PDB file of N, CA and C in Angstrom:
ATOM      1  N   UNK A   1     -10.182  22.157 -17.453  1.00  0.00           N
ATOM      2  CA  UNK A   1      -9.683  21.096 -16.848  1.00  0.00           C
ATOM      3  C   UNK A   1      -8.600  20.786 -17.712  1.00  0.00           C
ATOM      4  N   UNK A   2      -7.155  20.761 -17.094  1.00  0.00           N
ATOM      5  CA  UNK A   2      -6.353  20.285 -18.054  1.00  0.00           C
ATOM      6  C   UNK A   2      -6.021  18.649 -18.076  1.00  0.00           C
ATOM      7  N   UNK A   3      -5.847  18.386 -19.450  1.00  0.00           N
ATOM      8  CA  UNK A   3      -5.806  16.877 -19.528  1.00  0.00           C
ATOM      9  C   UNK A   3      -4.247  16.507 -19.369  1.00  0.00           C
ATOM     10  N   UNK A   4      -4.128  15.152 -19.152  1.00  0.00           N
ATOM     11  CA  UNK A   4      -3.078  14.751 -18.578  1.00  0.00           C
ATOM     12  C   UNK A   4      -2.415  14.191 -19.707  1.00  0.00           C
ATOM     13  N   UNK A   5      -0.871  13.943 -19.658  1.00  0.00           N
ATOM     14  CA  UNK A   5       0.101  13.639 -20.627  1.00  0.00           C
ATOM     15  C   UNK A   5      -0.228  12.089 -20.217  1.00  0.00           C
ATOM     16  N   UNK A   6       0.385  11.307 -21.426  1.00  0.00           N
ATOM     17  CA  UNK A   6       0.546   9.824 -21.279  1.00  0.00           C
ATOM     18  C   UNK A   6       1.865   9.262 -20.183  1.00  0.00           C
ATOM     19  N   UNK A   7       2.766  10.260 -20.066  1.00  0.00           N
ATOM     20  CA  UNK A   7       3.517  10.068 -18.991  1.00  0.00           C
ATOM     21  C   UNK A   7       3.013  10.185 -17.584  1.00  0.00           C
ATOM     22  N   UNK A   8       2.062  11.336 -17.327  1.00  0.00           N
ATOM     23  CA  UNK A   8       1.528  11.365 -16.183  1.00  0.00           C
ATOM     24  C   UNK A   8       0.405  10.139 -16.108  1.00  0.00           C
ATOM     25  N   UNK A   9      -0.323   9.644 -17.132  1.00  0.00           N
ATOM     26  CA  UNK A   9      -1.137   8.810 -16.877  1.00  0.00           C
ATOM     27  C   UNK A   9      -0.592   7.360 -16.570  1.00  0.00           C
ATOM     28  N   UNK A  10       0.689   7.093 -17.280  1.00  0.00           N
ATOM     29  CA  UNK A  10       1.484   6.005 -16.816  1.00  0.00           C
ATOM     30  C   UNK A  10       2.057   5.988 -15.364  1.00  0.00           C
ATOM     31  N   UNK A  11       2.355   6.906 -14.986  1.00  0.00           N
ATOM     32  CA  UNK A  11       2.852   7.437 -13.543  1.00  0.00           C
ATOM     33  C   UNK A  11       1.813   6.904 -12.644  1.00  0.00           C
ATOM     34  N   UNK A  12       0.646   7.461 -12.987  1.00  0.00           N
ATOM     35  CA  UNK A  12      -0.532   7.026 -11.972  1.00  0.00           C
ATOM     36  C   UNK A  12      -0.669   5.888 -12.008  1.00  0.00           C
ATOM     37  N   UNK A  13      -0.835   4.979 -13.120  1.00  0.00           N
ATOM     38  CA  UNK A  13      -0.854   3.688 -13.173  1.00  0.00           C
ATOM     39  C   UNK A  13       0.002   2.834 -12.493  1.00  0.00           C
ATOM     40  N   UNK A  14       1.195   2.976 -12.742  1.00  0.00           N
ATOM     41  CA  UNK A  14       2.387   2.706 -11.966  1.00  0.00           C
ATOM     42  C   UNK A  14       2.173   2.522 -10.577  1.00  0.00           C
ATOM     43  N   UNK A  15       1.881   3.697  -9.963  1.00  0.00           N
ATOM     44  CA  UNK A  15       1.987   4.110  -8.598  1.00  0.00           C
ATOM     45  C   UNK A  15       0.477   3.299  -7.904  1.00  0.00           C
ATOM     46  N   UNK A  16      -0.519   3.091  -8.894  1.00  0.00           N
ATOM     47  CA  UNK A  16      -1.857   2.527  -8.239  1.00  0.00           C
ATOM     48  C   UNK A  16      -1.346   1.004  -8.080  1.00  0.00           C
ATOM     49  N   UNK A  17      -0.662   0.459  -9.188  1.00  0.00           N
ATOM     50  CA  UNK A  17       0.151  -1.117  -9.110  1.00  0.00           C
ATOM     51  C   UNK A  17       0.575  -1.162  -7.996  1.00  0.00           C
ATOM     52  N   UNK A  18       1.617  -0.175  -7.801  1.00  0.00           N
ATOM     53  CA  UNK A  18       2.380  -0.313  -6.637  1.00  0.00           C
ATOM     54  C   UNK A  18       1.604  -0.228  -4.986  1.00  0.00           C
ATOM     55  N   UNK A  19       0.563   0.533  -5.132  1.00  0.00           N
ATOM     56  CA  UNK A  19      -0.288   0.443  -3.985  1.00  0.00           C
ATOM     57  C   UNK A  19      -1.125  -0.535  -3.309  1.00  0.00           C
ATOM     58  N   UNK A  20      -1.545  -1.034  -4.775  1.00  0.00           N
ATOM     59  CA  UNK A  20      -2.213  -2.425  -4.408  1.00  0.00           C
ATOM     60  C   UNK A  20      -1.568  -3.756  -4.313  1.00  0.00           C
ATOM     61  N   UNK A  21      -0.082  -3.926  -4.655  1.00  0.00           N
ATOM     62  CA  UNK A  21       0.683  -4.990  -4.717  1.00  0.00           C
ATOM     63  C   UNK A  21       1.337  -5.074  -3.359  1.00  0.00           C
ATOM     64  N   UNK A  22       1.665  -3.778  -2.845  1.00  0.00           N
ATOM     65  CA  UNK A  22       2.094  -3.556  -1.624  1.00  0.00           C
ATOM     66  C   UNK A  22       1.125  -3.659  -0.422  1.00  0.00           C
ATOM     67  N   UNK A  23       0.164  -3.391  -0.375  1.00  0.00           N
ATOM     68  CA  UNK A  23      -1.261  -3.355   0.254  1.00  0.00           C
ATOM     69  C   UNK A  23      -1.328  -4.745   0.497  1.00  0.00           C
ATOM     70  N   UNK A  24      -1.294  -5.547  -0.584  1.00  0.00           N
ATOM     71  CA  UNK A  24      -1.644  -7.217  -0.610  1.00  0.00           C
ATOM     72  C   UNK A  24      -0.693  -7.548   0.605  1.00  0.00           C
ATOM     73  N   UNK A  25       0.451  -7.532   0.087  1.00  0.00           N
ATOM     74  CA  UNK A  25       1.694  -7.928   1.061  1.00  0.00           C
ATOM     75  C   UNK A  25       1.460  -7.573   2.301  1.00  0.00           C
ATOM     76  N   UNK A  26       1.298  -6.392   2.697  1.00  0.00           N
ATOM     77  CA  UNK A  26       1.156  -5.798   4.232  1.00  0.00           C
ATOM     78  C   UNK A  26       0.263  -6.489   4.579  1.00  0.00           C
ATOM     79  N   UNK A  27      -1.037  -6.651   3.958  1.00  0.00           N
ATOM     80  CA  UNK A  27      -2.172  -7.434   4.630  1.00  0.00           C
ATOM     81  C   UNK A  27      -1.997  -8.776   4.707  1.00  0.00           C
ATOM     82  N   UNK A  28      -1.263  -9.341   3.760  1.00  0.00           N
ATOM     83  CA  UNK A  28      -0.995 -10.921   4.145  1.00  0.00           C
ATOM     84  C   UNK A  28      -0.193 -11.253   5.203  1.00  0.00           C
ATOM     85  N   UNK A  29       0.916 -10.448   5.397  1.00  0.00           N
ATOM     86  CA  UNK A  29       1.829 -10.378   6.304  1.00  0.00           C
ATOM     87  C   UNK A  29       1.373 -10.215   7.787  1.00  0.00           C
ATOM     88  N   UNK A  30       0.062  -9.289   7.731  1.00  0.00           N
ATOM     89  CA  UNK A  30      -0.417  -8.908   9.192  1.00  0.00           C
ATOM     90  C   UNK A  30      -1.413  -9.906   9.474  1.00  0.00           C
ATOM     91  N   UNK A  31      -1.828 -10.538   8.542  1.00  0.00           N
ATOM     92  CA  UNK A  31      -2.808 -11.526   8.584  1.00  0.00           C
ATOM     93  C   UNK A  31      -1.957 -13.202   9.138  1.00  0.00           C
ATOM     94  N   UNK A  32      -0.982 -13.141   8.487  1.00  0.00           N
ATOM     95  CA  UNK A  32      -0.065 -14.154   9.059  1.00  0.00           C
ATOM     96  C   UNK A  32       0.382 -14.079  10.300  1.00  0.00           C
ATOM     97  N   UNK A  33       0.808 -13.023  10.869  1.00  0.00           N
ATOM     98  CA  UNK A  33       1.199 -12.458  12.061  1.00  0.00           C
ATOM     99  C   UNK A  33       0.168 -12.737  13.136  1.00  0.00           C
ATOM    100  N   UNK A  34      -0.870 -12.785  12.869  1.00  0.00           N
ATOM    101  CA  UNK A  34      -2.085 -12.907  13.946  1.00  0.00           C
ATOM    102  C   UNK A  34      -2.428 -14.159  13.946  1.00  0.00           C
ATOM    103  N   UNK A  35      -2.989 -14.846  12.787  1.00  0.00           N
ATOM    104  CA  UNK A  35      -3.633 -15.693  12.597  1.00  0.00           C
ATOM    105  C   UNK A  35      -2.439 -17.274  12.448  1.00  0.00           C
ATOM    106  N   UNK A  36      -1.262 -16.933  12.434  1.00  0.00           N
ATOM    107  CA  UNK A  36      -0.090 -18.006  12.159  1.00  0.00           C
ATOM    108  C   UNK A  36       0.048 -18.761  13.232  1.00  0.00           C
ATOM    109  N   UNK A  37      -0.291 -18.478  14.741  1.00  0.00           N
ATOM    110  CA  UNK A  37      -0.152 -19.477  15.722  1.00  0.00           C
ATOM    111  C   UNK A  37      -1.049 -20.500  15.497  1.00  0.00           C
ATOM    112  N   UNK A  38      -2.133 -20.335  15.227  1.00  0.00           N
ATOM    113  CA  UNK A  38      -3.214 -21.400  14.708  1.00  0.00           C
ATOM    114  C   UNK A  38      -2.884 -22.652  13.977  1.00  0.00           C
ATOM    115  N   UNK A  39      -1.628 -22.543  13.113  1.00  0.00           N
ATOM    116  CA  UNK A  39      -1.343 -23.372  12.653  1.00  0.00           C
ATOM    117  C   UNK A  39      -0.161 -24.319  13.480  1.00  0.00           C
ATOM    118  N   UNK A  40       0.449 -23.414  14.407  1.00  0.00           N
ATOM    119  CA  UNK A  40       1.522 -24.165  15.479  1.00  0.00           C
ATOM    120  C   UNK A  40       0.962 -24.530  16.606  1.00  0.00           C
ATOM    121  N   UNK A  41       0.050 -23.803  17.069  1.00  0.00           N
ATOM    122  CA  UNK A  41      -0.346 -24.443  18.547  1.00  0.00           C
ATOM    123  C   UNK A  41      -1.784 -25.126  18.547  1.00  0.00           C
ATOM    124  N   UNK A  42      -2.195 -26.006  19.405  1.00  0.00           N
ATOM    125  CA  UNK A  42      -3.503 -26.629  19.652  1.00  0.00           C
ATOM    126  C   UNK A  42      -4.132 -25.431  20.295  1.00  0.00           C
ATOM    127  N   UNK A  43      -5.216 -24.753  19.924  1.00  0.00           N
ATOM    128  CA  UNK A  43      -5.839 -23.888  20.408  1.00  0.00           C
ATOM    129  C   UNK A  43      -7.282 -24.323  20.415  1.00  0.00           C
ATOM    130  N   UNK A  44      -8.142 -23.822  21.525  1.00  0.00           N
ATOM    131  CA  UNK A  44      -9.700 -24.142  21.553  1.00  0.00           C
ATOM    132  C   UNK A  44      -9.994 -23.470  20.144  1.00  0.00           C
ATOM    133  N   UNK A  45     -11.147 -24.205  19.791  1.00  0.00           N
ATOM    134  CA  UNK A  45     -11.717 -23.560  18.406  1.00  0.00           C
ATOM    135  C   UNK A  45     -12.224 -22.462  18.681  1.00  0.00           C
ATOM    136  N   UNK A  46     -12.772 -21.538  19.474  1.00  0.00           N
ATOM    137  CA  UNK A  46     -13.195 -20.191  19.807  1.00  0.00           C
ATOM    138  C   UNK A  46     -11.903 -19.050  19.618  1.00  0.00           C
ATOM    139  N   UNK A  47     -10.913 -19.872  20.269  1.00  0.00           N
ATOM    140  CA  UNK A  47      -9.331 -18.898  19.991  1.00  0.00           C
ATOM    141  C   UNK A  47      -9.058 -18.642  18.620  1.00  0.00           C
ATOM    142  N   UNK A  48      -9.116 -20.024  17.806  1.00  0.00           N
ATOM    143  CA  UNK A  48      -8.568 -20.073  16.524  1.00  0.00           C
ATOM    144  C   UNK A  48      -9.432 -19.441  15.950  1.00  0.00           C
ATOM    145  N   UNK A  49     -10.634 -19.415  16.155  1.00  0.00           N
ATOM    146  CA  UNK A  49     -11.668 -18.505  15.043  1.00  0.00           C
ATOM    147  C   UNK A  49     -11.350 -16.840  15.482  1.00  0.00           C
ATOM    148  N   UNK A  50     -11.173 -16.746  16.609  1.00  0.00           N
ATOM    149  CA  UNK A  50     -11.245 -15.520  17.025  1.00  0.00           C
ATOM    150  C   UNK A  50      -9.760 -14.689  16.287  1.00  0.00           C
ATOM    151  N   UNK A  51      -8.720 -15.402  16.330  1.00  0.00           N
ATOM    152  CA  UNK A  51      -7.396 -14.904  15.696  1.00  0.00           C
ATOM    153  C   UNK A  51      -7.454 -15.026  14.325  1.00  0.00           C
ATOM    154  N   UNK A  52      -8.418 -16.020  13.524  1.00  0.00           N
ATOM    155  CA  UNK A  52      -8.583 -15.754  12.110  1.00  0.00           C
ATOM    156  C   UNK A  52      -9.249 -14.594  11.760  1.00  0.00           C
ATOM    157  N   UNK A  53     -10.237 -14.300  12.530  1.00  0.00           N
ATOM    158  CA  UNK A  53     -11.421 -13.322  12.334  1.00  0.00           C
ATOM    159  C   UNK A  53     -10.346 -12.025  12.677  1.00  0.00           C
ATOM    160  N   UNK A  54      -9.790 -11.812  13.441  1.00  0.00           N
ATOM    161  CA  UNK A  54      -9.130 -10.739  13.960  1.00  0.00           C
ATOM    162  C   UNK A  54      -8.020 -10.377  13.045  1.00  0.00           C
ATOM    163  N   UNK A  55      -7.334 -11.550  12.480  1.00  0.00           N
ATOM    164  CA  UNK A  55      -6.224 -11.307  11.435  1.00  0.00           C
ATOM    165  C   UNK A  55      -6.798 -10.705  10.138  1.00  0.00           C
ATOM    166  N   UNK A  56      -7.911 -11.240   9.665  1.00  0.00           N
ATOM    167  CA  UNK A  56      -8.691 -10.797   8.721  1.00  0.00           C
ATOM    168  C   UNK A  56      -9.120  -9.432   8.569  1.00  0.00           C
ATOM    169  N   UNK A  57      -9.884  -9.064   9.839  1.00  0.00           N
ATOM    170  CA  UNK A  57     -10.132  -7.556  10.224  1.00  0.00           C
ATOM    171  C   UNK A  57      -8.876  -6.567  10.140  1.00  0.00           C
ATOM    172  N   UNK A  58      -7.903  -7.140  10.761  1.00  0.00           N
ATOM    173  CA  UNK A  58      -6.569  -6.241  11.097  1.00  0.00           C
ATOM    174  C   UNK A  58      -5.848  -6.129   9.420  1.00  0.00           C
ATOM    175  N   UNK A  59      -5.808  -7.302   8.979  1.00  0.00           N
ATOM    176  CA  UNK A  59      -5.311  -7.139   7.591  1.00  0.00           C
ATOM    177  C   UNK A  59      -5.880  -6.377   6.606  1.00  0.00           C
ATOM    178  N   UNK A  60      -7.114  -6.433   6.722  1.00  0.00           N
ATOM    179  CA  UNK A  60      -8.417  -5.384   5.623  1.00  0.00           C
ATOM    180  C   UNK A  60      -7.731  -4.005   5.832  1.00  0.00           C
ATOM    181  N   UNK A  61      -7.723  -3.679   7.409  1.00  0.00           N
ATOM    182  CA  UNK A  61      -7.607  -2.269   7.881  1.00  0.00           C
ATOM    183  C   UNK A  61      -5.996  -2.029   7.391  1.00  0.00           C
ATOM    184  N   UNK A  62      -5.102  -2.820   7.521  1.00  0.00           N
ATOM    185  CA  UNK A  62      -3.675  -2.763   7.080  1.00  0.00           C
ATOM    186  C   UNK A  62      -3.545  -2.028   5.728  1.00  0.00           C
ATOM    187  N   UNK A  63      -4.379  -3.021   4.925  1.00  0.00           N
ATOM    188  CA  UNK A  63      -4.269  -2.837   3.100  1.00  0.00           C
ATOM    189  C   UNK A  63      -4.860  -1.572   2.923  1.00  0.00           C
ATOM    190  N   UNK A  64      -5.953  -1.415   3.518  1.00  0.00           N
ATOM    191  CA  UNK A  64      -6.741   0.027   3.222  1.00  0.00           C
ATOM    192  C   UNK A  64      -5.791   1.280   3.637  1.00  0.00           C
ATOM    193  N   UNK A  65      -5.113   1.121   4.675  1.00  0.00           N
ATOM    194  CA  UNK A  65      -4.363   2.235   5.142  1.00  0.00           C
ATOM    195  C   UNK A  65      -3.015   2.401   4.196  1.00  0.00           C
ATOM    196  N   UNK A  66      -2.516   1.173   3.703  1.00  0.00           N
ATOM    197  CA  UNK A  66      -1.082   1.022   3.041  1.00  0.00           C
ATOM    198  C   UNK A  66      -1.450   1.760   1.594  1.00  0.00           C
ATOM    199  N   UNK A  67      -2.896   1.361   0.791  1.00  0.00           N
ATOM    200  CA  UNK A  67      -3.143   2.027  -0.288  1.00  0.00           C
ATOM    201  C   UNK A  67      -3.280   3.633  -0.222  1.00  0.00           C
ATOM    202  N   UNK A  68      -4.011   3.683   1.001  1.00  0.00           N
ATOM    203  CA  UNK A  68      -4.334   5.122   1.067  1.00  0.00           C
ATOM    204  C   UNK A  68      -2.840   6.218   1.252  1.00  0.00           C
ATOM    205  N   UNK A  69      -1.960   5.318   2.365  1.00  0.00           N
ATOM    206  CA  UNK A  69      -0.725   6.295   2.189  1.00  0.00           C
ATOM    207  C   UNK A  69      -0.105   6.546   1.058  1.00  0.00           C
ATOM    208  N   UNK A  70       0.085   5.206   0.444  1.00  0.00           N
ATOM    209  CA  UNK A  70       1.126   5.389  -0.628  1.00  0.00           C
ATOM    210  C   UNK A  70       0.519   6.521  -1.846  1.00  0.00           C
ATOM    211  N   UNK A  71      -0.874   6.368  -2.218  1.00  0.00           N
ATOM    212  CA  UNK A  71      -1.630   7.244  -3.062  1.00  0.00           C
ATOM    213  C   UNK A  71      -1.553   8.665  -2.638  1.00  0.00           C
ATOM    214  N   UNK A  72      -1.805   8.895  -1.329  1.00  0.00           N
ATOM    215  CA  UNK A  72      -1.842  10.259  -0.921  1.00  0.00           C
ATOM    216  C   UNK A  72      -0.263  10.475  -0.782  1.00  0.00           C
ATOM    217  N   UNK A  73       0.557   9.953  -0.533  1.00  0.00           N
ATOM    218  CA  UNK A  73       2.048  10.309  -0.619  1.00  0.00           C
ATOM    219  C   UNK A  73       2.376  10.944  -2.321  1.00  0.00           C
ATOM    220  N   UNK A  74       1.830  10.007  -3.173  1.00  0.00           N
ATOM    221  CA  UNK A  74       1.898  10.352  -4.714  1.00  0.00           C
ATOM    222  C   UNK A  74       1.405  11.744  -4.807  1.00  0.00           C
ATOM    223  N   UNK A  75       0.149  12.051  -4.572  1.00  0.00           N
ATOM    224  CA  UNK A  75      -0.640  13.105  -4.966  1.00  0.00           C
ATOM    225  C   UNK A  75       0.422  14.362  -4.477  1.00  0.00           C
ATOM    226  N   UNK A  76       0.808  14.277  -3.148  1.00  0.00           N
ATOM    227  CA  UNK A  76       1.342  15.571  -2.759  1.00  0.00           C
ATOM    228  C   UNK A  76       2.889  15.490  -3.129  1.00  0.00           C
ATOM    229  N   UNK A  77       3.310  14.683  -4.085  1.00  0.00           N
ATOM    230  CA  UNK A  77       4.998  14.709  -4.570  1.00  0.00           C
ATOM    231  C   UNK A  77       4.904  15.595  -5.805  1.00  0.00           C
ATOM    232  N   UNK A  78       5.979  16.664  -5.514  1.00  0.00           N
ATOM    233  CA  UNK A  78       6.019  17.770  -6.495  1.00  0.00           C
ATOM    234  C   UNK A  78       6.427  17.347  -7.590  1.00  0.00           C
ATOM    235  N   UNK A  79       6.143  18.194  -8.883  1.00  0.00           N
ATOM    236  CA  UNK A  79       6.806  17.818 -10.008  1.00  0.00           C
ATOM    237  C   UNK A  79       8.201  17.697 -10.033  1.00  0.00           C
ATOM    238  N   UNK A  80       8.922  16.725 -10.717  1.00  0.00           N
ATOM    239  CA  UNK A  80      10.259  16.680 -10.975  1.00  0.00           C
ATOM    240  C   UNK A  80      10.498  17.605 -12.194  1.00  0.00           C
ATOM    241  N   UNK A  81      12.140  18.386 -11.891  1.00  0.00           N
ATOM    242  CA  UNK A  81      12.305  19.341 -12.854  1.00  0.00           C
ATOM    243  C   UNK A  81      12.912  18.521 -14.074  1.00  0.00           C
ATOM    244  N   UNK A  82      12.620  19.444 -14.988  1.00  0.00           N
ATOM    245  CA  UNK A  82      12.797  18.613 -16.388  1.00  0.00           C
ATOM    246  C   UNK A  82      14.720  18.266 -16.735  1.00  0.00           C
ATOM    247  N   UNK A  83      15.142  19.282 -15.995  1.00  0.00           N
ATOM    248  CA  UNK A  83      16.655  18.946 -16.046  1.00  0.00           C
ATOM    249  C   UNK A  83      17.183  18.888 -14.909  1.00  0.00           C
ATOM    250  N   UNK A  84      17.203  17.644 -13.987  1.00  0.00           N
ATOM    251  CA  UNK A  84      17.771  17.444 -13.019  1.00  0.00           C
ATOM    252  C   UNK A  84      19.159  18.313 -12.546  1.00  0.00           C
ATOM    253  N   UNK A  85      19.457  18.648 -11.619  1.00  0.00           N
ATOM    254  CA  UNK A  85      20.762  19.550 -11.313  1.00  0.00           C
ATOM    255  C   UNK A  85      20.755  20.840 -11.866  1.00  0.00           C
ATOM    256  N   UNK A  86      19.965  21.286 -12.558  1.00  0.00           N
ATOM    257  CA  UNK A  86      19.891  22.746 -12.895  1.00  0.00           C
ATOM    258  C   UNK A  86      18.537  23.430 -12.015  1.00  0.00           C
ATOM    259  N   UNK A  87      19.423  24.612 -11.298  1.00  0.00           N
ATOM    260  CA  UNK A  87      18.249  25.148 -10.379  1.00  0.00           C
ATOM    261  C   UNK A  87      17.821  26.464 -11.004  1.00  0.00           C
ATOM    262  N   UNK A  88      18.312  27.214 -11.939  1.00  0.00           N
ATOM    263  CA  UNK A  88      17.701  28.361 -12.504  1.00  0.00           C
ATOM    264  C   UNK A  88      18.272  28.177 -14.350  1.00  0.00           C
ATOM    265  N   UNK A  89      17.179  29.029 -14.972  1.00  0.00           N
ATOM    266  CA  UNK A  89      17.206  28.956 -16.445  1.00  0.00           C
ATOM    267  C   UNK A  89      18.922  29.584 -16.833  1.00  0.00           C
ATOM    268  N   UNK A  90      19.398  30.306 -15.906  1.00  0.00           N
ATOM    269  CA  UNK A  90      20.760  30.860 -16.165  1.00  0.00           C
ATOM    270  C   UNK A  90      22.266  29.675 -16.164  1.00  0.00           C
ATOM    271  N   UNK A  91      21.684  28.737 -15.322  1.00  0.00           N
ATOM    272  CA  UNK A  91      23.012  27.807 -14.882  1.00  0.00           C
ATOM    273  C   UNK A  91      23.270  26.812 -16.101  1.00  0.00           C
TER     274      UNK A  91
END
């Protein structure tokens, strides 16, 4: 098993942080989009509860999907060339 360099470990840490923060933002906005009308409109108690629970469930799913998407995309990204713009050792 090959050991990772400090740069690779730092890149993974940053990507995980980005995935979590963007996941929280997507989940929060999703929750607010679904449960937000309960703060504006006078709805029956059952409808309010349904929107809040539905918003929480859909927000949680959105969080998981966002984190998985970001980390999966990072895992498939090819390594960057050490010297950008150079296509062959002779150039």
